[in-house]
């Protein structure tokens, strides 16, 4: 069993039959985040790399939301 909670909540962690780790976000990113390059599924060789991949996707999505909030009419 993989220590899923230690990687990132909201993502499901899987190990392939070749030992590679994969993570899939339980909820899709919105279209703007996807267009900015946020991927719902990522892979890595180990949990540290997988965590970094997940965090990168979340940063991309967060940056899109931050930009849209900053440019919204008041």
C-alpha atoms as a PDB file:
ATOM      1  CA  UNK A   1       0.000   0.000   0.000  1.00  0.00           C
ATOM      2  CA  UNK A   2       1.257   3.463  -0.876  1.00  0.00           C
ATOM      3  CA  UNK A   3       1.305   6.274   1.719  1.00  0.00           C
ATOM      4  CA  UNK A   4      -1.179   8.281  -0.341  1.00  0.00           C
ATOM      5  CA  UNK A   5      -1.943  10.838   2.366  1.00  0.00           C
ATOM      6  CA  UNK A   6       1.731  11.811   2.517  1.00  0.00           C
ATOM      7  CA  UNK A   7       1.770  12.902  -1.120  1.00  0.00           C
ATOM      8  CA  UNK A   8      -1.262  15.149  -1.609  1.00  0.00           C
ATOM      9  CA  UNK A   9      -4.926  14.939  -0.724  1.00  0.00           C
ATOM     10  CA  UNK A  10      -7.277  14.916  -3.684  1.00  0.00           C
ATOM     11  CA  UNK A  11      -4.944  12.744  -5.763  1.00  0.00           C
ATOM     12  CA  UNK A  12      -5.069   8.957  -6.166  1.00  0.00           C
ATOM     13  CA  UNK A  13      -1.704   7.219  -6.200  1.00  0.00           C
ATOM     14  CA  UNK A  14      -1.079   4.058  -8.209  1.00  0.00           C
ATOM     15  CA  UNK A  15       1.930   1.861  -8.848  1.00  0.00           C
ATOM     16  CA  UNK A  16       2.231   0.299 -12.295  1.00  0.00           C
ATOM     17  CA  UNK A  17       3.216  -3.324 -12.746  1.00  0.00           C
ATOM     18  CA  UNK A  18       6.686  -2.048 -13.705  1.00  0.00           C
ATOM     19  CA  UNK A  19       6.997  -0.124 -10.409  1.00  0.00           C
ATOM     20  CA  UNK A  20       6.430   3.390 -11.770  1.00  0.00           C
ATOM     21  CA  UNK A  21       4.265   5.680  -9.645  1.00  0.00           C
ATOM     22  CA  UNK A  22       1.298   7.534 -11.088  1.00  0.00           C
ATOM     23  CA  UNK A  23      -1.053  10.080  -9.556  1.00  0.00           C
ATOM     24  CA  UNK A  24      -4.427  11.152 -10.884  1.00  0.00           C
ATOM     25  CA  UNK A  25      -6.312  14.126  -9.536  1.00  0.00           C
ATOM     26  CA  UNK A  26      -9.743  13.077  -8.270  1.00  0.00           C
ATOM     27  CA  UNK A  27     -11.377  16.193  -9.735  1.00  0.00           C
ATOM     28  CA  UNK A  28     -10.403  17.593 -13.091  1.00  0.00           C
ATOM     29  CA  UNK A  29      -8.770  20.991 -13.290  1.00  0.00           C
ATOM     30  CA  UNK A  30     -10.891  23.656 -14.927  1.00  0.00           C
ATOM     31  CA  UNK A  31     -10.340  24.378 -18.605  1.00  0.00           C
ATOM     32  CA  UNK A  32      -8.201  27.478 -17.986  1.00  0.00           C
ATOM     33  CA  UNK A  33      -5.794  25.512 -15.776  1.00  0.00           C
ATOM     34  CA  UNK A  34      -5.548  22.745 -18.376  1.00  0.00           C
ATOM     35  CA  UNK A  35      -4.860  25.304 -21.105  1.00  0.00           C
ATOM     36  CA  UNK A  36      -2.105  26.753 -18.888  1.00  0.00           C
ATOM     37  CA  UNK A  37      -0.475  23.315 -18.695  1.00  0.00           C
ATOM     38  CA  UNK A  38      -1.888  21.680 -15.548  1.00  0.00           C
ATOM     39  CA  UNK A  39      -2.053  17.907 -16.054  1.00  0.00           C
ATOM     40  CA  UNK A  40      -4.538  15.746 -14.174  1.00  0.00           C
ATOM     41  CA  UNK A  41      -2.282  12.676 -14.340  1.00  0.00           C
ATOM     42  CA  UNK A  42       1.456  12.642 -13.628  1.00  0.00           C
ATOM     43  CA  UNK A  43       4.122   9.975 -13.117  1.00  0.00           C
ATOM     44  CA  UNK A  44       7.490   9.641 -11.407  1.00  0.00           C
ATOM     45  CA  UNK A  45      10.117   7.176 -10.228  1.00  0.00           C
ATOM     46  CA  UNK A  46       9.582   7.745  -6.483  1.00  0.00           C
ATOM     47  CA  UNK A  47       7.256   9.465  -4.007  1.00  0.00           C
ATOM     48  CA  UNK A  48       9.440  12.562  -3.710  1.00  0.00           C
ATOM     49  CA  UNK A  49       9.392  13.131  -7.457  1.00  0.00           C
ATOM     50  CA  UNK A  50       5.679  12.362  -7.571  1.00  0.00           C
ATOM     51  CA  UNK A  51       5.007  14.910  -4.836  1.00  0.00           C
ATOM     52  CA  UNK A  52       6.981  17.508  -6.808  1.00  0.00           C
ATOM     53  CA  UNK A  53       4.977  16.730  -9.960  1.00  0.00           C
ATOM     54  CA  UNK A  54       1.667  17.081  -8.105  1.00  0.00           C
ATOM     55  CA  UNK A  55       2.728  20.323  -6.456  1.00  0.00           C
ATOM     56  CA  UNK A  56       3.764  21.737  -9.838  1.00  0.00           C
ATOM     57  CA  UNK A  57       0.336  20.976 -11.322  1.00  0.00           C
ATOM     58  CA  UNK A  58      -1.402  22.567  -8.338  1.00  0.00           C
ATOM     59  CA  UNK A  59       0.838  25.673  -8.633  1.00  0.00           C
ATOM     60  CA  UNK A  60      -0.088  26.056 -12.301  1.00  0.00           C
ATOM     61  CA  UNK A  61      -3.792  25.822 -11.490  1.00  0.00           C
ATOM     62  CA  UNK A  62      -3.474  28.198  -8.542  1.00  0.00           C
ATOM     63  CA  UNK A  63      -1.625  30.765 -10.670  1.00  0.00           C
ATOM     64  CA  UNK A  64      -4.447  30.707 -13.232  1.00  0.00           C
ATOM     65  CA  UNK A  65      -7.049  31.273 -10.516  1.00  0.00           C
ATOM     66  CA  UNK A  66      -4.954  34.053  -8.957  1.00  0.00           C
ATOM     67  CA  UNK A  67      -4.605  35.821 -12.319  1.00  0.00           C
ATOM     68  CA  UNK A  68      -8.328  35.577 -13.044  1.00  0.00           C
ATOM     69  CA  UNK A  69      -9.224  36.914  -9.587  1.00  0.00           C
ATOM     70  CA  UNK A  70      -6.721  39.748  -9.977  1.00  0.00           C
ATOM     71  CA  UNK A  71      -8.193  40.811 -13.305  1.00  0.00           C
ATOM     72  CA  UNK A  72     -11.864  40.430 -12.436  1.00  0.00           C
ATOM     73  CA  UNK A  73     -13.932  43.629 -12.450  1.00  0.00           C
ATOM     74  CA  UNK A  74     -14.632  45.023  -8.991  1.00  0.00           C
END
